């Protein structure tokens, strides 16, 4: 089974949403990655009615949701390593986001088979003067609780067990480079260690071409060495730039994904380009379909 192509909704403005979703269908893209606050701008407004309205819209558009990103956007008080209170608040908020994702998986009118939660949020990983070893110990406990929550929720909802044991909703750690103000889990060595030491099927690894490149990691090796824990993949350019003069070695990434038999989601991540958003998104989709065609089975 080949991988599936998705696009993140950070690639356009909120007022362009209907037009963009129709454009995805025209371009043969059936999966959407969601930054929740690009749907409902304030977390306080995520009522069951509002989220149900989004679910109906996606269902009516004939699309499916593959993943979430920007899980803690606008939640500036959340940090892993600051205080016990901020860490507990972060866990509680992330569990709320996990619940949102499971609402999309649930019947009736399910709009997702599985949802991968991309845990980037670089500024929330500030070590606050702690050593890497101290942070690692705290982080494994933090992420293990979230992973267990994902696993337990899958069982509570009576969902069928998956072949690989990974629950329908899974938190996936993204190595974010220092250029994105991340100082813990900022490269593949650290991020893979965090995932492996957490050792929980509800917490896996996400890889991003731009993040790996900016951290000085080799795309091919990062993918090949972590084939057993990678659950989601972003095709992006540094600083979420357009796909014109590409900086990342996408052919090497595509080759590695092909060799490991990657059959999950390949998601395009790029920032909005204002009035030119759909034009630039079209360029990105064409580039990814061409460069990653063997991975996508095209």
Protein backbone atom coordinates (compact mmCIF):
# COMPACT_ATOMS: atom_id res chain seq x y z
CA UNK A 1 0.00 0.00 0.00
CA UNK A 2 1.45 3.41 -0.97
CA UNK A 3 1.56 6.49 1.23
CA UNK A 4 -1.24 9.07 1.08
CA UNK A 5 -0.88 12.79 0.35
CA UNK A 6 -2.22 15.45 2.71
CA UNK A 7 -1.96 19.24 2.92
CA UNK A 8 -1.87 21.35 6.08
CA UNK A 9 -4.44 24.12 6.36
CA UNK A 10 -1.79 26.62 7.45
CA UNK A 11 -1.17 27.05 3.70
CA UNK A 12 -4.09 29.47 3.34
CA UNK A 13 -6.07 32.07 5.26
CA UNK A 14 -9.26 31.30 7.15
CA UNK A 15 -11.42 33.25 4.69
CA UNK A 16 -10.03 31.10 1.85
CA UNK A 17 -11.05 27.85 3.53
CA UNK A 18 -13.95 26.76 1.31
CA UNK A 19 -12.08 27.64 -1.85
CA UNK A 20 -8.96 25.83 -0.64
CA UNK A 21 -10.80 22.65 0.32
CA UNK A 22 -12.43 22.53 -3.11
CA UNK A 23 -9.00 23.14 -4.67
CA UNK A 24 -7.56 20.13 -2.83
CA UNK A 25 -10.24 17.91 -4.34
CA UNK A 26 -9.49 19.32 -7.80
CA UNK A 27 -5.81 18.49 -7.32
CA UNK A 28 -6.57 14.94 -6.22
CA UNK A 29 -5.69 15.47 -2.55
CA UNK A 30 -8.16 13.81 -0.20
CA UNK A 31 -6.50 14.34 3.17
CA UNK A 32 -6.29 17.45 5.34
CA UNK A 33 -3.86 18.23 8.14
CA UNK A 34 -5.48 20.58 10.63
CA UNK A 35 -4.10 23.37 12.78
CA UNK A 36 -7.16 23.59 15.06
CA UNK A 37 -6.98 27.36 15.60
CA UNK A 38 -7.11 27.85 11.83
CA UNK A 39 -10.62 26.40 12.11
CA UNK A 40 -11.79 28.00 15.36
CA UNK A 41 -9.41 30.83 16.32
CA UNK A 42 -9.73 30.59 20.13
CA UNK A 43 -9.43 27.41 22.20
CA UNK A 44 -12.18 28.57 24.53
CA UNK A 45 -14.62 28.39 21.61
CA UNK A 46 -14.06 24.69 20.89
CA UNK A 47 -17.56 23.65 21.90
CA UNK A 48 -19.04 20.31 20.79
CA UNK A 49 -21.35 22.26 18.47
CA UNK A 50 -18.53 24.21 16.84
CA UNK A 51 -16.31 21.15 16.39
CA UNK A 52 -19.27 19.14 15.14
CA UNK A 53 -19.83 21.83 12.53
CA UNK A 54 -16.27 21.42 11.29
CA UNK A 55 -16.67 17.64 11.16
CA UNK A 56 -19.84 18.02 9.07
CA UNK A 57 -18.11 20.46 6.72
CA UNK A 58 -15.23 18.06 6.08
CA UNK A 59 -17.69 15.19 5.59
CA UNK A 60 -19.76 17.22 3.13
CA UNK A 61 -16.61 18.22 1.20
CA UNK A 62 -15.68 14.56 0.79
CA UNK A 63 -12.35 14.98 2.58
CA UNK A 64 -10.67 13.12 5.44
CA UNK A 65 -8.50 14.42 8.27
CA UNK A 66 -5.05 12.86 8.58
CA UNK A 67 -3.36 14.84 11.31
CA UNK A 68 -3.19 17.89 13.58
CA UNK A 69 -0.40 20.41 14.09
CA UNK A 70 0.04 23.60 16.16
CA UNK A 71 -1.38 21.72 19.13
CA UNK A 72 -0.63 24.45 21.67
CA UNK A 73 -0.74 27.57 19.48
CA UNK A 74 -1.72 30.65 21.54
CA UNK A 75 -1.32 28.70 24.82
CA UNK A 76 1.74 30.61 25.98
CA UNK A 77 1.54 29.39 29.57
CA UNK A 78 2.22 25.77 28.66
CA UNK A 79 5.73 24.36 29.13
CA UNK A 80 7.15 20.92 29.82
CA UNK A 81 10.11 21.91 31.99
CA UNK A 82 9.01 25.09 33.80
CA UNK A 83 6.82 24.20 36.78
CA UNK A 84 4.72 21.23 37.82
CA UNK A 85 1.64 23.41 37.27
CA UNK A 86 2.55 24.41 33.71
CA UNK A 87 3.40 20.80 32.87
CA UNK A 88 0.10 19.51 34.28
CA UNK A 89 -1.80 22.20 32.37
CA UNK A 90 0.05 21.14 29.22
CA UNK A 91 -0.93 17.50 29.72
CA UNK A 92 -4.56 18.48 30.31
CA UNK A 93 -4.65 20.67 27.20
CA UNK A 94 -3.07 17.98 25.03
CA UNK A 95 -5.58 15.42 26.29
CA UNK A 96 -8.30 17.84 25.21
CA UNK A 97 -6.74 17.96 21.73
CA UNK A 98 -6.57 14.15 21.69
CA UNK A 99 -10.30 14.10 22.48
CA UNK A 100 -10.94 16.48 19.56
CA UNK A 101 -9.10 14.11 17.25
CA UNK A 102 -11.03 11.07 18.46
CA UNK A 103 -14.28 12.95 17.79
CA UNK A 104 -13.32 12.92 14.10
CA UNK A 105 -12.59 9.18 14.19
CA UNK A 106 -15.89 8.33 15.91
CA UNK A 107 -19.07 7.46 14.08
CA UNK A 108 -21.47 8.72 12.90
CA UNK A 109 -19.98 10.43 9.87
CA UNK A 110 -16.37 9.62 10.73
CA UNK A 111 -13.96 11.84 8.81
CA UNK A 112 -10.73 10.15 9.90
CA UNK A 113 -9.43 6.62 10.15
CA UNK A 114 -6.48 7.77 12.21
CA UNK A 115 -5.12 11.14 13.33
CA UNK A 116 -1.46 11.84 14.01
CA UNK A 117 -0.83 14.78 16.37
CA UNK A 118 2.40 16.52 15.35
CA UNK A 119 4.04 17.68 18.57
CA UNK A 120 6.26 20.55 17.45
CA UNK A 121 5.65 23.48 19.82
CA UNK A 122 9.36 24.34 20.11
CA UNK A 123 9.10 27.15 22.65
CA UNK A 124 7.23 24.92 25.10
CA UNK A 125 10.35 22.73 25.31
CA UNK A 126 12.61 25.36 26.89
CA UNK A 127 14.89 23.39 29.28
CA UNK A 128 14.76 26.22 31.84
CA UNK A 129 18.35 25.57 32.90
CA UNK A 130 17.92 21.83 33.30
CA UNK A 131 20.43 19.39 31.82
CA UNK A 132 19.50 17.21 28.86
CA UNK A 133 19.38 14.15 31.13
CA UNK A 134 17.03 15.92 33.57
CA UNK A 135 14.79 17.01 30.71
CA UNK A 136 14.79 13.52 29.23
CA UNK A 137 13.58 12.04 32.50
CA UNK A 138 10.75 14.58 32.76
CA UNK A 139 9.82 14.29 29.08
CA UNK A 140 9.50 10.51 29.08
CA UNK A 141 7.02 10.67 31.96
CA UNK A 142 5.15 13.53 30.25
CA UNK A 143 4.85 11.80 26.88
CA UNK A 144 4.15 8.37 28.36
CA UNK A 145 1.04 9.75 30.07
CA UNK A 146 -0.16 11.20 26.77
CA UNK A 147 0.60 7.97 24.93
CA UNK A 148 -1.31 5.94 27.50
CA UNK A 149 -4.25 8.33 27.17
CA UNK A 150 -4.31 7.73 23.41
CA UNK A 151 -4.19 3.96 23.89
CA UNK A 152 -6.90 3.91 26.56
CA UNK A 153 -9.21 6.17 24.57
CA UNK A 154 -8.91 3.84 21.57
CA UNK A 155 -10.06 0.93 23.75
CA UNK A 156 -12.81 2.91 25.50
CA UNK A 157 -14.38 3.80 22.15
CA UNK A 158 -14.39 0.14 21.11
CA UNK A 159 -12.24 0.76 18.05
CA UNK A 160 -10.70 -2.22 16.29
CA UNK A 161 -7.10 -3.01 17.26
CA UNK A 162 -4.59 -1.84 14.66
CA UNK A 163 -2.06 -4.11 12.97
CA UNK A 164 0.94 -2.32 14.50
CA UNK A 165 -0.70 -1.61 17.86
CA UNK A 166 -0.53 2.17 17.40
CA UNK A 167 -3.86 3.74 18.45
CA UNK A 168 -6.11 5.66 16.07
CA UNK A 169 -4.88 8.91 17.62
CA UNK A 170 -1.18 9.10 18.37
CA UNK A 171 1.13 11.92 19.54
CA UNK A 172 4.19 12.22 17.29
CA UNK A 173 7.28 14.15 18.38
CA UNK A 174 8.84 16.43 15.77
CA UNK A 175 12.54 17.27 16.03
CA UNK A 176 12.51 21.08 15.76
CA UNK A 177 15.81 22.85 14.99
CA UNK A 178 17.37 25.58 17.10
CA UNK A 179 16.47 28.08 14.36
CA UNK A 180 12.86 27.52 15.42
CA UNK A 181 13.81 28.29 19.06
CA UNK A 182 13.85 24.66 20.13
CA UNK A 183 16.52 23.48 22.56
CA UNK A 184 15.28 20.02 23.51
CA UNK A 185 14.62 17.30 20.98
CA UNK A 186 16.04 19.58 18.31
CA UNK A 187 17.65 16.92 16.10
CA UNK A 188 17.04 13.33 15.09
CA UNK A 189 19.42 11.91 17.69
CA UNK A 190 17.58 13.52 20.59
CA UNK A 191 14.04 13.12 19.23
CA UNK A 192 14.47 9.44 18.44
CA UNK A 193 15.97 8.84 21.89
CA UNK A 194 13.00 10.56 23.56
CA UNK A 195 10.55 8.37 21.63
CA UNK A 196 12.46 5.15 22.24
CA UNK A 197 12.96 5.78 25.95
CA UNK A 198 9.31 6.74 26.40
CA UNK A 199 8.54 3.36 24.82
CA UNK A 200 4.81 3.78 24.31
CA UNK A 201 2.80 2.97 21.17
CA UNK A 202 0.70 6.10 21.67
CA UNK A 203 3.82 8.25 21.29
CA UNK A 204 5.84 7.95 18.09
CA UNK A 205 8.10 9.99 15.79
CA UNK A 206 7.26 12.57 13.14
CA UNK A 207 9.85 13.73 10.61
CA UNK A 208 9.98 16.96 8.61
CA UNK A 209 12.33 17.62 5.69
CA UNK A 210 12.97 21.25 6.63
CA UNK A 211 13.46 20.59 10.35
CA UNK A 212 15.94 17.80 9.69
CA UNK A 213 17.82 19.85 7.10
CA UNK A 214 18.03 22.91 9.36
CA UNK A 215 19.33 20.74 12.22
CA UNK A 216 22.11 19.42 9.98
CA UNK A 217 20.68 15.90 9.90
CA UNK A 218 20.86 13.67 6.83
CA UNK A 219 17.35 13.03 5.55
CA UNK A 220 18.10 9.57 4.19
CA UNK A 221 19.72 8.30 7.39
CA UNK A 222 17.12 9.86 9.68
CA UNK A 223 14.34 8.04 7.86
CA UNK A 224 16.14 4.71 7.41
CA UNK A 225 17.38 4.54 11.00
CA UNK A 226 13.93 5.20 12.46
CA UNK A 227 11.65 3.25 10.16
CA UNK A 228 10.19 1.39 13.13
CA UNK A 229 8.93 4.49 14.94
CA UNK A 230 8.04 7.00 12.18
CA UNK A 231 4.27 7.55 11.99
CA UNK A 232 3.97 10.80 10.03
CA UNK A 233 6.01 12.84 7.55
CA UNK A 234 6.09 16.50 6.49
CA UNK A 235 7.42 17.72 3.18
CA UNK A 236 8.42 21.31 3.83
CA UNK A 237 11.05 23.92 3.10
CA UNK A 238 12.98 25.98 5.69
CA UNK A 239 10.82 28.65 7.34
CA UNK A 240 7.80 27.07 5.60
CA UNK A 241 8.80 28.71 2.32
CA UNK A 242 7.36 28.15 -1.16
CA UNK A 243 8.44 25.23 -3.34
CA UNK A 244 10.36 27.10 -6.00
CA UNK A 245 14.08 27.15 -5.23
CA UNK A 246 14.01 24.13 -2.93
CA UNK A 247 16.74 23.76 -0.30
CA UNK A 248 16.01 20.27 1.06
CA UNK A 249 17.22 17.05 -0.52
CA UNK A 250 13.74 15.74 -1.28
CA UNK A 251 14.96 13.07 -3.67
CA UNK A 252 16.97 11.48 -0.85
CA UNK A 253 13.99 11.65 1.46
CA UNK A 254 11.75 10.07 -1.17
CA UNK A 255 14.29 7.31 -1.79
CA UNK A 256 14.50 6.49 1.91
CA UNK A 257 10.71 6.46 2.31
CA UNK A 258 10.43 4.13 -0.66
CA UNK A 259 13.08 1.78 0.73
CA UNK A 260 11.42 1.46 4.14
CA UNK A 261 8.04 0.84 2.51
CA UNK A 262 6.51 3.92 4.12
CA UNK A 263 2.73 3.67 3.71
CA UNK A 264 1.40 6.35 6.03
CA UNK A 265 0.81 10.06 5.33
CA UNK A 266 3.07 12.49 3.48
CA UNK A 267 1.81 15.97 4.33
CA UNK A 268 2.73 19.26 2.67
CA UNK A 269 3.47 22.02 5.17
CA UNK A 270 3.93 25.60 3.98
CA UNK A 271 2.85 29.00 5.22
CA UNK A 272 0.07 31.05 3.67
CA UNK A 273 0.98 33.28 0.75
CA UNK A 274 -1.97 35.66 0.97
CA UNK A 275 -3.83 36.14 -2.30
CA UNK A 276 -1.37 33.77 -3.99
CA UNK A 277 -1.93 30.94 -1.51
CA UNK A 278 -3.77 28.59 -3.85
CA UNK A 279 -1.39 29.24 -6.72
CA UNK A 280 1.61 28.45 -4.54
CA UNK A 281 -0.15 25.46 -3.05
CA UNK A 282 -0.68 24.14 -6.56
CA UNK A 283 3.05 24.46 -7.23
CA UNK A 284 3.80 22.59 -4.00
CA UNK A 285 1.35 19.77 -4.75
CA UNK A 286 2.76 19.29 -8.25
CA UNK A 287 6.33 19.26 -6.89
CA UNK A 288 5.55 16.69 -4.20
CA UNK A 289 3.53 14.47 -6.52
CA UNK A 290 6.45 14.41 -8.94
CA UNK A 291 9.30 14.05 -6.43
CA UNK A 292 7.57 11.56 -4.12
CA UNK A 293 5.56 9.78 -6.83
CA UNK A 294 6.93 6.31 -6.10
CA UNK A 295 6.18 6.70 -2.39
CA UNK A 296 2.66 7.87 -3.22
CA UNK A 297 2.12 5.15 -5.82
CA UNK A 298 1.53 7.64 -8.63
